[in-house]
Amino acid sequence: MFCMKEKVLNMTPNERKKLGINKSTLWYMKKNLSEGKTPKIYEKILLKIQ
């Protein structure tokens, strides 16, 4: 099973739309992960990703 980091980094725009995640939210999460920072993932988004 993928870890959360890999799942976010590999998410496609179609998957994002199906899960109901905003484009900017995914963009900031990917940006922070690629910079080595810990992204702030709110419970609402976390439940959609899992």
Protein backbone atom coordinates (compact mmCIF):
# COMPACT_ATOMS: atom_id res chain seq x y z
CA MET A 1 0.00 0.00 0.00
CA PHE A 2 1.20 3.49 -0.83
CA CYS A 3 2.15 5.85 1.94
CA MET A 4 0.38 9.19 2.12
CA LYS A 5 3.33 11.10 0.61
CA GLU A 6 3.49 8.91 -2.49
CA LYS A 7 -0.28 8.99 -2.89
CA VAL A 8 -0.34 12.81 -2.89
CA LEU A 9 2.67 13.18 -5.19
CA ASN A 10 1.26 10.70 -7.73
CA MET A 11 -2.30 12.06 -7.72
CA THR A 12 -3.62 13.02 -11.14
CA PRO A 13 -6.04 15.89 -11.85
CA ASN A 14 -8.86 13.40 -12.52
CA GLU A 15 -8.29 11.65 -9.18
CA ARG A 16 -8.26 15.04 -7.46
CA LYS A 17 -11.60 15.97 -9.01
CA LYS A 18 -13.20 12.63 -8.06
CA LEU A 19 -12.08 13.07 -4.44
CA GLY A 20 -13.32 16.67 -4.32
CA ILE A 21 -9.95 18.26 -3.52
CA ASN A 22 -9.28 21.79 -4.76
CA LYS A 23 -6.52 22.30 -7.31
CA SER A 24 -4.69 24.79 -5.13
CA THR A 25 -4.85 22.50 -2.09
CA LEU A 26 -3.18 19.68 -3.99
CA TRP A 27 -0.65 22.10 -5.50
CA TYR A 28 0.45 23.38 -2.07
CA MET A 29 0.63 19.86 -0.62
CA LYS A 30 2.82 18.70 -3.54
CA LYS A 31 4.99 21.84 -3.27
CA ASN A 32 5.63 21.35 0.44
CA LEU A 33 6.37 17.65 0.03
CA SER A 34 8.85 18.26 -2.80
CA GLU A 35 10.64 20.87 -0.66
CA GLY A 36 10.96 18.38 2.19
CA LYS A 37 8.51 20.21 4.43
CA THR A 38 5.63 18.60 6.26
CA PRO A 39 2.40 19.69 4.59
CA LYS A 40 -0.52 20.84 6.67
CA ILE A 41 -3.29 18.39 5.84
CA TYR A 42 -6.60 19.14 7.47
CA GLU A 43 -8.87 16.32 8.63
CA LYS A 44 -11.41 16.99 5.87
CA ILE A 45 -8.78 16.44 3.15
CA LEU A 46 -7.13 13.56 5.00
CA LEU A 47 -10.42 11.66 5.08
CA LYS A 48 -10.85 12.14 1.32
CA ILE A 49 -7.34 10.89 0.56
CA GLN A 50 -7.61 7.77 2.70
